[in-house]
N, C-alpha and C. Protein backbone atom coordinates (compact mmCIF):
# COMPACT_ATOMS: atom_id res chain seq x y z
N MET A 1 82.60 49.72 131.34
CA MET A 1 83.34 50.10 132.53
C MET A 1 84.64 50.73 132.10
N ALA A 2 84.90 51.96 132.56
CA ALA A 2 86.04 52.72 132.05
C ALA A 2 86.81 53.37 133.19
N SER A 3 88.08 53.63 132.92
CA SER A 3 88.89 54.46 133.80
C SER A 3 88.45 55.92 133.62
N VAL A 4 88.97 56.81 134.46
CA VAL A 4 88.56 58.21 134.34
C VAL A 4 89.03 58.83 133.03
N ASP A 5 90.02 58.21 132.36
CA ASP A 5 90.45 58.70 131.06
C ASP A 5 89.89 57.86 129.91
N GLY A 6 88.84 57.10 130.19
CA GLY A 6 88.09 56.46 129.12
C GLY A 6 88.59 55.13 128.63
N ARG A 7 89.67 54.58 129.21
CA ARG A 7 90.17 53.27 128.78
C ARG A 7 89.27 52.17 129.32
N ILE A 8 89.22 51.03 128.63
CA ILE A 8 88.30 49.97 129.04
C ILE A 8 88.98 48.62 129.26
N GLN A 9 90.30 48.52 129.11
CA GLN A 9 91.00 47.27 129.42
C GLN A 9 91.48 47.34 130.86
N SER A 10 90.87 46.53 131.72
CA SER A 10 91.04 46.69 133.17
C SER A 10 92.16 45.85 133.78
N LYS A 11 92.92 45.12 132.99
CA LYS A 11 93.91 44.20 133.57
C LYS A 11 95.03 44.92 134.30
N ARG A 12 95.27 46.20 134.01
CA ARG A 12 96.34 46.94 134.69
C ARG A 12 95.82 47.74 135.88
N TRP A 13 94.56 47.62 136.21
CA TRP A 13 93.97 48.52 137.20
C TRP A 13 94.10 48.02 138.63
N GLY A 14 94.56 46.78 138.82
CA GLY A 14 94.74 46.26 140.16
C GLY A 14 93.44 45.94 140.87
N LEU A 15 92.37 45.70 140.12
CA LEU A 15 91.07 45.37 140.71
C LEU A 15 90.91 43.87 140.81
N LYS A 16 90.26 43.42 141.87
CA LYS A 16 89.97 42.01 142.03
C LYS A 16 88.66 41.69 141.33
N ASN A 17 88.73 40.83 140.32
CA ASN A 17 87.55 40.42 139.55
C ASN A 17 86.74 41.62 139.08
N PRO A 18 87.33 42.48 138.24
CA PRO A 18 86.63 43.71 137.83
C PRO A 18 85.33 43.47 137.09
N SER A 19 85.20 42.34 136.40
CA SER A 19 83.99 42.11 135.61
C SER A 19 82.75 41.99 136.48
N ARG A 20 82.93 41.64 137.76
CA ARG A 20 81.75 41.49 138.62
C ARG A 20 81.02 42.81 138.80
N HIS A 21 81.77 43.93 138.79
CA HIS A 21 81.13 45.23 138.93
C HIS A 21 80.26 45.52 137.71
N PHE A 22 80.83 45.26 136.54
CA PHE A 22 80.08 45.48 135.29
C PHE A 22 78.85 44.59 135.23
N GLU A 23 79.04 43.30 135.51
CA GLU A 23 77.95 42.35 135.36
C GLU A 23 76.82 42.62 136.35
N ALA A 24 77.17 43.06 137.56
CA ALA A 24 76.14 43.33 138.57
C ALA A 24 75.21 44.45 138.13
N GLN A 25 75.77 45.50 137.52
CA GLN A 25 74.93 46.62 137.08
C GLN A 25 74.21 46.29 135.78
N ALA A 26 74.89 45.56 134.89
CA ALA A 26 74.27 45.19 133.61
C ALA A 26 73.03 44.34 133.84
N ALA A 27 73.07 43.49 134.88
CA ALA A 27 71.94 42.62 135.17
C ALA A 27 70.70 43.40 135.59
N LYS A 28 70.89 44.65 136.00
CA LYS A 28 69.75 45.47 136.43
C LYS A 28 69.03 46.14 135.26
N ILE A 29 69.59 46.01 134.07
CA ILE A 29 68.98 46.60 132.88
C ILE A 29 68.35 45.48 132.06
N PRO A 30 67.04 45.33 132.07
CA PRO A 30 66.40 44.22 131.35
C PRO A 30 66.53 44.37 129.84
N THR A 31 67.01 43.34 129.18
CA THR A 31 67.14 43.34 127.72
C THR A 31 66.77 41.96 127.18
N ASP A 32 66.64 41.89 125.86
CA ASP A 32 66.41 40.62 125.18
C ASP A 32 67.71 39.94 124.79
N GLY A 33 68.83 40.63 124.93
CA GLY A 33 70.10 40.05 124.55
C GLY A 33 71.22 41.07 124.60
N TRP A 34 72.43 40.60 124.27
CA TRP A 34 73.61 41.47 124.25
C TRP A 34 74.40 41.22 122.98
N ILE A 35 75.13 42.26 122.56
CA ILE A 35 75.86 42.17 121.30
C ILE A 35 77.29 42.68 121.50
N VAL A 36 78.25 41.96 120.91
CA VAL A 36 79.66 42.31 121.02
C VAL A 36 80.34 42.09 119.67
N GLY A 37 81.58 42.53 119.58
CA GLY A 37 82.38 42.30 118.38
C GLY A 37 83.04 40.94 118.40
N ARG A 38 83.78 40.67 117.33
CA ARG A 38 84.40 39.35 117.18
C ARG A 38 85.41 39.05 118.29
N GLU A 39 86.27 40.03 118.64
CA GLU A 39 87.29 39.76 119.65
C GLU A 39 86.68 39.43 120.99
N THR A 40 85.64 40.16 121.39
CA THR A 40 84.98 39.87 122.66
C THR A 40 84.26 38.54 122.61
N MET A 41 83.57 38.25 121.50
CA MET A 41 82.83 37.00 121.39
C MET A 41 83.75 35.78 121.42
N GLN A 42 84.99 35.93 120.95
CA GLN A 42 85.91 34.79 120.99
C GLN A 42 86.26 34.38 122.42
N GLU A 43 86.02 35.26 123.40
CA GLU A 43 86.22 34.88 124.78
C GLU A 43 85.18 33.85 125.23
N PHE A 44 84.04 33.80 124.54
CA PHE A 44 82.96 32.88 124.90
C PHE A 44 82.89 31.69 123.96
N SER A 45 83.51 31.77 122.79
CA SER A 45 83.40 30.71 121.79
C SER A 45 84.42 29.62 122.05
N SER A 46 84.44 28.63 121.18
CA SER A 46 85.31 27.47 121.35
C SER A 46 86.74 27.78 120.90
N HIS A 47 87.70 27.13 121.57
CA HIS A 47 89.10 27.24 121.16
C HIS A 47 89.56 26.00 120.39
N ALA A 48 88.64 25.07 120.20
CA ALA A 48 88.96 23.86 119.43
C ALA A 48 88.94 24.19 117.94
N PRO A 49 89.65 23.41 117.12
CA PRO A 49 89.60 23.63 115.66
C PRO A 49 88.18 23.52 115.15
N GLU A 50 87.89 24.25 114.09
CA GLU A 50 86.56 24.21 113.50
C GLU A 50 86.24 22.81 113.00
N ARG A 51 85.07 22.33 113.41
CA ARG A 51 84.68 20.98 112.99
C ARG A 51 84.40 20.96 111.49
N LYS A 52 85.03 20.04 110.81
CA LYS A 52 84.86 19.94 109.37
C LYS A 52 83.59 19.18 109.03
N VAL A 53 82.87 19.69 108.07
CA VAL A 53 81.66 19.04 107.60
C VAL A 53 81.92 18.59 106.17
N THR A 54 81.96 17.30 105.94
CA THR A 54 82.31 16.78 104.61
C THR A 54 81.11 16.86 103.67
N GLY A 55 81.44 16.93 102.39
CA GLY A 55 80.40 16.91 101.37
C GLY A 55 79.55 18.16 101.32
N VAL A 56 80.12 19.27 101.77
CA VAL A 56 79.36 20.52 101.78
C VAL A 56 79.54 21.24 100.45
N GLY A 57 78.45 21.51 99.78
CA GLY A 57 78.51 22.33 98.58
C GLY A 57 78.37 23.80 98.97
N ARG A 58 78.04 24.61 98.03
CA ARG A 58 77.85 26.03 98.31
C ARG A 58 76.53 26.24 99.05
N ILE A 59 76.63 26.87 100.22
CA ILE A 59 75.44 27.18 101.01
C ILE A 59 75.03 28.61 100.68
N PRO A 60 73.77 28.84 100.36
CA PRO A 60 73.32 30.20 100.00
C PRO A 60 73.56 31.18 101.15
N THR A 61 73.85 32.41 100.80
CA THR A 61 74.10 33.45 101.81
C THR A 61 72.76 34.06 102.22
N THR A 62 71.96 33.21 102.87
CA THR A 62 70.67 33.64 103.41
C THR A 62 70.67 33.38 104.91
N ASP A 63 69.89 34.15 105.64
CA ASP A 63 69.86 34.04 107.10
C ASP A 63 69.40 32.65 107.53
N PHE A 64 69.92 32.21 108.68
CA PHE A 64 69.59 30.88 109.20
C PHE A 64 69.22 31.00 110.67
N VAL A 65 68.04 30.52 111.01
CA VAL A 65 67.58 30.50 112.40
C VAL A 65 67.61 29.06 112.89
N ALA A 66 68.53 28.77 113.81
CA ALA A 66 68.66 27.41 114.34
C ALA A 66 67.55 27.13 115.35
N PRO A 67 67.13 25.88 115.48
CA PRO A 67 66.14 25.53 116.50
C PRO A 67 66.65 25.91 117.89
N HIS A 68 65.81 26.55 118.69
CA HIS A 68 66.23 26.96 120.03
C HIS A 68 64.99 27.21 120.88
N GLN A 69 65.20 27.15 122.19
CA GLN A 69 64.13 27.42 123.15
C GLN A 69 64.42 28.67 123.97
N ALA A 70 65.59 29.26 123.79
CA ALA A 70 66.01 30.41 124.60
C ALA A 70 65.16 31.63 124.31
N LYS A 71 65.01 32.46 125.32
CA LYS A 71 64.28 33.71 125.20
C LYS A 71 65.21 34.92 125.14
N THR A 72 66.48 34.69 125.43
CA THR A 72 67.49 35.76 125.38
C THR A 72 68.62 35.32 124.47
N PHE A 73 69.41 36.32 124.00
CA PHE A 73 70.33 36.03 122.89
C PHE A 73 71.70 36.66 123.11
N ALA A 74 72.73 35.93 122.65
CA ALA A 74 74.11 36.41 122.64
C ALA A 74 74.51 36.60 121.19
N ILE A 75 74.80 37.84 120.80
CA ILE A 75 75.01 38.17 119.39
C ILE A 75 76.43 38.64 119.18
N GLY A 76 77.09 38.08 118.19
CA GLY A 76 78.47 38.45 117.88
C GLY A 76 78.58 38.96 116.45
N ILE A 77 79.30 40.05 116.26
CA ILE A 77 79.55 40.59 114.93
C ILE A 77 80.89 40.03 114.44
N ASP A 78 80.83 39.18 113.45
CA ASP A 78 82.01 38.44 112.99
C ASP A 78 82.04 38.46 111.46
N PRO A 79 82.45 39.57 110.85
CA PRO A 79 82.34 39.72 109.39
C PRO A 79 83.02 38.64 108.58
N GLN A 80 84.13 38.08 109.07
CA GLN A 80 84.88 37.10 108.30
C GLN A 80 84.62 35.66 108.72
N GLY A 81 83.81 35.46 109.76
CA GLY A 81 83.50 34.11 110.19
C GLY A 81 84.66 33.42 110.86
N LEU A 82 85.20 34.01 111.92
CA LEU A 82 86.38 33.47 112.60
C LEU A 82 86.05 32.77 113.92
N CYS A 83 84.88 33.03 114.49
CA CYS A 83 84.51 32.39 115.76
C CYS A 83 84.06 30.95 115.53
N ARG A 84 84.54 30.06 116.40
CA ARG A 84 84.17 28.63 116.30
C ARG A 84 83.30 28.27 117.50
N TRP A 85 82.44 27.25 117.30
CA TRP A 85 81.46 26.92 118.32
C TRP A 85 81.31 25.41 118.50
N ASP A 86 81.12 25.00 119.76
CA ASP A 86 80.74 23.62 120.07
C ASP A 86 79.25 23.51 120.36
N THR A 87 78.65 24.63 120.73
CA THR A 87 77.24 24.67 121.10
C THR A 87 76.66 26.01 120.69
N GLY A 88 75.34 26.06 120.60
CA GLY A 88 74.67 27.30 120.24
C GLY A 88 74.20 28.09 121.44
N LEU A 89 74.77 27.84 122.62
CA LEU A 89 74.38 28.54 123.83
C LEU A 89 75.58 29.16 124.54
N VAL A 90 75.38 30.35 125.09
CA VAL A 90 76.35 30.99 125.99
C VAL A 90 75.57 31.38 127.24
N ALA A 91 75.84 30.68 128.35
CA ALA A 91 75.17 30.95 129.63
C ALA A 91 73.65 30.99 129.48
N GLY A 92 73.12 30.07 128.66
CA GLY A 92 71.69 29.98 128.47
C GLY A 92 71.13 30.88 127.39
N ASP A 93 71.97 31.75 126.81
CA ASP A 93 71.54 32.63 125.72
C ASP A 93 71.83 31.97 124.37
N HIS A 94 70.87 32.04 123.47
CA HIS A 94 71.07 31.46 122.13
C HIS A 94 72.02 32.35 121.32
N VAL A 95 73.00 31.73 120.67
CA VAL A 95 74.03 32.46 119.92
C VAL A 95 73.54 32.80 118.52
N ILE A 96 73.72 34.07 118.16
CA ILE A 96 73.45 34.55 116.80
C ILE A 96 74.70 35.24 116.31
N MET A 97 75.22 34.83 115.17
CA MET A 97 76.40 35.47 114.60
C MET A 97 76.00 36.35 113.42
N VAL A 98 76.57 37.55 113.38
CA VAL A 98 76.33 38.49 112.29
C VAL A 98 77.53 38.41 111.35
N LEU A 99 77.27 38.02 110.11
CA LEU A 99 78.32 37.74 109.14
C LEU A 99 78.21 38.68 107.94
N THR A 100 79.20 38.59 107.04
CA THR A 100 79.09 39.20 105.72
C THR A 100 79.11 38.08 104.68
N GLU A 101 78.77 38.41 103.46
CA GLU A 101 78.64 37.40 102.41
C GLU A 101 79.98 36.84 101.93
N ARG A 102 81.07 37.36 102.47
CA ARG A 102 82.38 36.80 102.09
C ARG A 102 82.75 35.58 102.93
N VAL A 103 81.91 35.21 103.92
CA VAL A 103 82.17 34.04 104.75
C VAL A 103 82.02 32.77 103.91
N ARG A 104 82.93 31.84 104.09
CA ARG A 104 82.93 30.61 103.28
C ARG A 104 81.81 29.66 103.71
N SER A 105 81.37 28.81 102.78
CA SER A 105 80.27 27.88 103.04
C SER A 105 80.63 26.87 104.13
N SER A 106 81.90 26.48 104.23
CA SER A 106 82.28 25.51 105.26
C SER A 106 82.05 26.08 106.66
N HIS A 107 82.21 27.39 106.82
CA HIS A 107 81.95 27.98 108.13
C HIS A 107 80.45 28.02 108.41
N LEU A 108 79.65 28.28 107.40
CA LEU A 108 78.20 28.25 107.58
C LEU A 108 77.75 26.86 108.00
N ALA A 109 78.33 25.84 107.38
CA ALA A 109 78.01 24.46 107.76
C ALA A 109 78.42 24.18 109.20
N HIS A 110 79.57 24.71 109.60
CA HIS A 110 80.04 24.55 110.98
C HIS A 110 79.05 25.18 111.97
N LEU A 111 78.56 26.38 111.67
CA LEU A 111 77.61 27.05 112.55
C LEU A 111 76.30 26.26 112.65
N ARG A 112 75.83 25.77 111.53
CA ARG A 112 74.59 24.98 111.53
C ARG A 112 74.75 23.73 112.38
N LEU A 113 75.89 23.05 112.25
CA LEU A 113 76.15 21.83 113.01
C LEU A 113 76.16 22.12 114.51
N ALA A 114 76.67 23.28 114.89
CA ALA A 114 76.75 23.65 116.30
C ALA A 114 75.43 24.19 116.85
N GLY A 115 74.45 24.42 115.98
CA GLY A 115 73.18 24.96 116.42
C GLY A 115 73.20 26.46 116.62
N VAL A 116 74.07 27.15 115.87
CA VAL A 116 74.21 28.61 115.97
C VAL A 116 73.42 29.26 114.84
N SER A 117 72.61 30.26 115.16
CA SER A 117 71.92 31.04 114.13
C SER A 117 72.87 32.07 113.54
N TYR A 118 72.59 32.51 112.32
CA TYR A 118 73.41 33.57 111.74
C TYR A 118 72.58 34.45 110.81
N LEU A 119 73.00 35.71 110.74
CA LEU A 119 72.38 36.71 109.88
C LEU A 119 73.46 37.36 109.05
N PHE A 120 73.10 37.78 107.85
CA PHE A 120 74.05 38.49 106.99
C PHE A 120 73.78 39.99 107.08
N GLY A 121 74.86 40.73 107.40
CA GLY A 121 74.74 42.17 107.56
C GLY A 121 75.12 42.97 106.34
N GLY A 122 75.60 42.29 105.27
CA GLY A 122 76.00 42.97 104.05
C GLY A 122 76.96 42.11 103.25
N LYS A 123 77.36 42.62 102.09
CA LYS A 123 78.27 41.85 101.24
C LYS A 123 79.68 41.80 101.82
N ARG A 124 80.27 42.97 102.13
CA ARG A 124 81.62 43.01 102.68
C ARG A 124 81.69 43.73 104.02
N ASP A 125 80.74 44.60 104.28
CA ASP A 125 80.68 45.34 105.54
C ASP A 125 79.32 45.13 106.18
N VAL A 126 79.27 45.36 107.49
CA VAL A 126 78.04 45.14 108.24
C VAL A 126 77.25 46.43 108.34
N ASP A 127 76.01 46.38 107.91
CA ASP A 127 75.06 47.49 108.04
C ASP A 127 74.29 47.26 109.34
N LEU A 128 74.64 48.02 110.38
CA LEU A 128 74.08 47.76 111.70
C LEU A 128 72.57 48.00 111.76
N ALA A 129 72.08 49.02 111.08
CA ALA A 129 70.64 49.27 111.07
C ALA A 129 69.89 48.08 110.45
N ARG A 130 70.45 47.55 109.39
CA ARG A 130 69.86 46.37 108.74
C ARG A 130 69.86 45.17 109.69
N VAL A 131 70.95 45.02 110.43
CA VAL A 131 71.05 43.91 111.38
C VAL A 131 70.00 44.02 112.48
N LEU A 132 69.82 45.21 113.02
CA LEU A 132 68.81 45.39 114.07
C LEU A 132 67.41 45.08 113.57
N THR A 133 67.12 45.47 112.34
CA THR A 133 65.82 45.16 111.75
C THR A 133 65.62 43.65 111.64
N LYS A 134 66.67 42.95 111.24
CA LYS A 134 66.58 41.49 111.11
C LYS A 134 66.43 40.82 112.47
N LEU A 135 67.13 41.32 113.47
CA LEU A 135 67.03 40.73 114.81
C LEU A 135 65.61 40.87 115.35
N ARG A 136 64.99 41.99 115.06
CA ARG A 136 63.60 42.19 115.49
C ARG A 136 62.67 41.24 114.74
N ALA A 137 62.85 41.14 113.44
CA ALA A 137 61.95 40.34 112.62
C ALA A 137 62.08 38.84 112.88
N SER A 138 63.31 38.36 113.04
CA SER A 138 63.54 36.92 113.15
C SER A 138 63.51 36.39 114.57
N PHE A 139 63.83 37.26 115.55
CA PHE A 139 63.94 36.79 116.93
C PHE A 139 63.11 37.60 117.92
N GLY A 140 62.41 38.61 117.45
CA GLY A 140 61.57 39.41 118.34
C GLY A 140 62.34 40.28 119.31
N ILE A 141 63.60 40.56 119.01
CA ILE A 141 64.43 41.35 119.92
C ILE A 141 64.03 42.82 119.83
N ARG A 142 63.69 43.41 120.96
CA ARG A 142 63.26 44.80 121.01
C ARG A 142 64.27 45.69 121.73
N ARG A 143 64.97 45.13 122.71
CA ARG A 143 65.93 45.92 123.49
C ARG A 143 67.23 45.13 123.60
N LEU A 144 68.33 45.77 123.20
CA LEU A 144 69.62 45.10 123.09
C LEU A 144 70.67 45.88 123.84
N ARG A 145 71.55 45.15 124.53
CA ARG A 145 72.64 45.78 125.25
C ARG A 145 73.93 45.61 124.45
N ILE A 146 74.61 46.71 124.18
CA ILE A 146 75.89 46.67 123.47
C ILE A 146 76.99 46.58 124.53
N ASP A 147 77.70 45.46 124.56
CA ASP A 147 78.71 45.24 125.60
C ASP A 147 80.13 45.49 125.12
N GLY A 148 80.31 46.21 124.02
CA GLY A 148 81.66 46.57 123.57
C GLY A 148 82.34 45.43 122.87
N GLY A 149 83.64 45.64 122.60
CA GLY A 149 84.52 46.74 122.97
C GLY A 149 84.33 48.04 122.22
N GLY A 150 85.42 48.83 122.27
CA GLY A 150 85.35 50.18 121.77
C GLY A 150 84.99 50.31 120.31
N THR A 151 85.43 49.37 119.48
CA THR A 151 85.14 49.46 118.05
C THR A 151 83.66 49.25 117.77
N VAL A 152 83.07 48.25 118.41
CA VAL A 152 81.64 48.01 118.23
C VAL A 152 80.83 49.17 118.79
N ASN A 153 81.20 49.63 119.99
CA ASN A 153 80.52 50.79 120.56
C ASN A 153 80.59 51.99 119.62
N GLY A 154 81.79 52.22 119.07
CA GLY A 154 81.99 53.35 118.16
C GLY A 154 81.20 53.21 116.88
N SER A 155 81.06 51.99 116.39
CA SER A 155 80.30 51.76 115.16
C SER A 155 78.82 52.07 115.37
N PHE A 156 78.27 51.64 116.49
CA PHE A 156 76.88 51.96 116.80
C PHE A 156 76.70 53.45 117.05
N LEU A 157 77.69 54.07 117.68
CA LEU A 157 77.64 55.52 117.91
C LEU A 157 77.58 56.27 116.60
N LYS A 158 78.46 55.93 115.68
CA LYS A 158 78.54 56.63 114.41
C LYS A 158 77.28 56.42 113.57
N ALA A 159 76.65 55.23 113.74
CA ALA A 159 75.42 54.95 113.00
C ALA A 159 74.19 55.60 113.64
N GLY A 160 74.38 56.22 114.80
CA GLY A 160 73.26 56.88 115.47
C GLY A 160 72.23 55.92 116.02
N LEU A 161 72.67 54.75 116.48
CA LEU A 161 71.75 53.69 116.89
C LEU A 161 71.73 53.44 118.39
N ILE A 162 72.34 54.32 119.18
CA ILE A 162 72.37 54.12 120.63
C ILE A 162 71.35 55.06 121.28
N ASP A 163 70.55 54.50 122.17
CA ASP A 163 69.55 55.27 122.90
C ASP A 163 70.06 55.72 124.26
N GLU A 164 70.88 54.88 124.89
CA GLU A 164 71.30 55.16 126.26
C GLU A 164 72.71 54.65 126.50
N LEU A 165 73.45 55.35 127.35
CA LEU A 165 74.77 54.92 127.77
C LEU A 165 74.74 54.62 129.26
N SER A 166 75.17 53.42 129.62
CA SER A 166 75.35 53.02 131.01
C SER A 166 76.85 52.85 131.22
N LEU A 167 77.43 53.70 132.07
CA LEU A 167 78.89 53.74 132.21
C LEU A 167 79.29 53.62 133.67
N LEU A 168 80.15 52.63 133.96
CA LEU A 168 80.75 52.52 135.28
C LEU A 168 82.10 53.23 135.25
N LEU A 169 82.20 54.33 135.96
CA LEU A 169 83.44 55.09 135.99
C LEU A 169 84.27 54.61 137.17
N THR A 170 85.45 54.07 136.87
CA THR A 170 86.30 53.45 137.87
C THR A 170 87.37 54.44 138.33
N PRO A 171 87.66 54.55 139.63
CA PRO A 171 88.62 55.54 140.12
C PRO A 171 90.07 55.15 139.88
N VAL A 172 90.43 55.00 138.62
CA VAL A 172 91.81 54.77 138.21
C VAL A 172 92.09 55.62 136.98
N ALA A 173 93.34 56.06 136.85
CA ALA A 173 93.79 56.77 135.65
C ALA A 173 94.74 55.84 134.92
N ASP A 174 94.37 55.41 133.73
CA ASP A 174 95.14 54.41 132.99
C ASP A 174 96.34 55.04 132.29
N GLY A 175 96.08 55.96 131.37
CA GLY A 175 97.16 56.67 130.70
C GLY A 175 97.89 55.90 129.63
N THR A 176 97.41 54.71 129.27
CA THR A 176 98.09 53.90 128.26
C THR A 176 97.64 54.30 126.87
N LEU A 177 98.60 54.65 126.01
CA LEU A 177 98.27 55.04 124.64
C LEU A 177 97.97 53.81 123.79
N GLY A 178 97.07 53.98 122.84
CA GLY A 178 96.79 52.92 121.87
C GLY A 178 95.89 51.81 122.36
N THR A 179 95.30 51.95 123.55
CA THR A 179 94.38 50.92 124.05
C THR A 179 92.94 51.35 123.79
N PRO A 180 92.01 50.40 123.72
CA PRO A 180 90.62 50.74 123.41
C PRO A 180 90.01 51.69 124.44
N THR A 181 89.12 52.55 123.95
CA THR A 181 88.37 53.44 124.81
C THR A 181 86.88 53.06 124.71
N VAL A 182 86.04 53.78 125.42
CA VAL A 182 84.61 53.46 125.43
C VAL A 182 84.05 53.49 124.01
N PHE A 183 84.41 54.51 123.24
CA PHE A 183 83.96 54.63 121.85
C PHE A 183 85.17 54.86 120.95
N ASP A 184 85.41 53.92 120.03
CA ASP A 184 86.46 54.06 119.03
C ASP A 184 85.81 54.00 117.66
N ALA A 185 85.31 55.13 117.19
CA ALA A 185 84.62 55.19 115.91
C ALA A 185 85.64 55.30 114.78
N VAL A 186 85.50 54.47 113.77
CA VAL A 186 86.40 54.50 112.62
C VAL A 186 86.07 55.73 111.78
N PRO A 187 87.08 56.54 111.43
CA PRO A 187 86.79 57.75 110.63
C PRO A 187 86.18 57.38 109.28
N GLY A 188 85.32 58.24 108.80
CA GLY A 188 84.69 58.03 107.50
C GLY A 188 84.93 59.23 106.61
N THR A 189 84.37 59.18 105.42
CA THR A 189 84.57 60.27 104.47
C THR A 189 83.69 61.47 104.79
N ALA A 190 82.51 61.22 105.35
CA ALA A 190 81.59 62.31 105.64
C ALA A 190 81.84 62.84 107.06
N PRO A 191 81.84 64.15 107.25
CA PRO A 191 82.03 64.69 108.60
C PRO A 191 80.83 64.36 109.49
N TRP A 192 81.10 64.15 110.76
CA TRP A 192 80.02 63.89 111.70
C TRP A 192 80.38 64.53 113.03
N ARG A 193 79.35 64.90 113.78
CA ARG A 193 79.55 65.61 115.03
C ARG A 193 79.51 64.67 116.22
N ALA A 194 80.12 65.12 117.31
CA ALA A 194 80.05 64.36 118.55
C ALA A 194 78.61 64.27 119.03
N ALA A 195 78.25 63.11 119.56
CA ALA A 195 76.89 62.91 120.07
C ALA A 195 76.73 63.63 121.41
N LYS A 196 75.59 64.24 121.60
CA LYS A 196 75.30 64.93 122.86
C LYS A 196 74.43 64.05 123.74
N LEU A 197 74.71 64.08 125.05
CA LEU A 197 74.02 63.24 126.00
C LEU A 197 73.32 64.07 127.06
N THR A 198 72.27 63.51 127.64
CA THR A 198 71.57 64.11 128.76
C THR A 198 71.68 63.17 129.95
N LEU A 199 72.17 63.69 131.09
CA LEU A 199 72.36 62.86 132.27
C LEU A 199 71.02 62.36 132.80
N LYS A 200 70.92 61.05 133.00
CA LYS A 200 69.70 60.42 133.50
C LYS A 200 69.79 60.13 135.00
N SER A 201 70.94 59.60 135.45
CA SER A 201 71.10 59.29 136.87
C SER A 201 72.57 59.08 137.20
N VAL A 202 72.90 59.25 138.49
CA VAL A 202 74.25 58.99 139.01
C VAL A 202 74.08 58.20 140.30
N ARG A 203 74.84 57.12 140.43
CA ARG A 203 74.79 56.34 141.67
C ARG A 203 76.22 56.01 142.10
N ARG A 204 76.51 56.24 143.36
CA ARG A 204 77.82 55.92 143.91
C ARG A 204 77.81 54.48 144.41
N LEU A 205 78.83 53.72 144.00
CA LEU A 205 78.93 52.31 144.35
C LEU A 205 80.14 52.07 145.25
N PRO A 206 80.19 50.93 145.96
CA PRO A 206 81.36 50.63 146.79
C PRO A 206 82.66 50.68 146.00
N GLY A 207 83.72 51.11 146.65
CA GLY A 207 85.01 51.20 145.99
C GLY A 207 85.23 52.48 145.22
N GLY A 208 84.31 53.43 145.37
CA GLY A 208 84.46 54.71 144.69
C GLY A 208 84.02 54.72 143.24
N LEU A 209 83.36 53.66 142.78
CA LEU A 209 82.84 53.64 141.41
C LEU A 209 81.60 54.51 141.30
N LEU A 210 81.41 55.10 140.13
CA LEU A 210 80.20 55.85 139.83
C LEU A 210 79.47 55.16 138.68
N TRP A 211 78.18 54.94 138.86
CA TRP A 211 77.35 54.39 137.78
C TRP A 211 76.59 55.55 137.17
N LEU A 212 76.99 55.92 135.95
CA LEU A 212 76.39 57.04 135.23
C LEU A 212 75.50 56.50 134.12
N ARG A 213 74.31 57.08 134.01
CA ARG A 213 73.42 56.71 132.92
C ARG A 213 72.99 57.98 132.17
N TYR A 214 73.13 57.93 130.86
CA TYR A 214 72.83 59.06 129.99
C TYR A 214 71.84 58.63 128.92
N ARG A 215 71.02 59.58 128.49
CA ARG A 215 70.23 59.40 127.26
C ARG A 215 70.91 60.14 126.13
N PHE A 216 70.89 59.55 124.94
CA PHE A 216 71.43 60.23 123.76
C PHE A 216 70.38 61.21 123.23
N GLN A 217 70.81 62.41 122.96
CA GLN A 217 69.93 63.40 122.36
C GLN A 217 69.75 63.09 120.88
N ARG A 218 68.56 63.27 120.38
CA ARG A 218 68.28 63.04 118.96
C ARG A 218 68.32 64.37 118.21
C-alpha cells in the first residue's frame, strides 16, 4: 500500500486503521504463506528477552523443520537472528525464519524451543532463489506473498523473482525524504534495468483508493 509518490509508511497519512485496506485485498489473493523482512517480522514476534537454553553446544547450521499442523506459513528473513519467539505461530500460520550461517547456536536453540522452523539462506548473505527452492521442498509452498517492506521487496525485484505486483494506491502525497518506498533495491556492482510490468486489472475502492495489479514481464 503506497502513497501516490511511492512511500509505504502510512502513519502520517491521517487514515483510520490503514492496514485494514491492505489486509482486505491481500486476503483475496490465495497463497501458501507470506514473507517479510526482519523489521516487519519483529512486529509479530516476542518483545520478551530471548529464553536461554542451558547446556547448548554447537548446533549444526542445517535446516530445521519444527513439528506443526499448519497449512499456511509466516516467513521472516532475519540474517543475524534477532527475532525472538514465544510460539511458532502467527495468527495460525507456522513461523519459518530465514537465517545465515553467522547466527549463533544459542539462537537456534531458542527457535527450536519455541517451535519455530528455520532455513539457512547462505553463509553471510541470503540467496533468495535458494530460499524459495527450500521452502518448496520442505514445506510444499508453491505461491508466496511478499508483504514488504521496501528492502525485501527490492531484493526480490533485483533477483527477478516476482511474478505479480498487487498495489493499493492511496490518495495522499507523502513527500518525506529518506522513508521506505515500494521497492528499495540495494545497488550492486553489475548494472541492471528497471523491471517492466503489464497491467492486469484496476479496481476503484472506497475512499479513492485504487487496487492495481500488474504482471512482471520476463
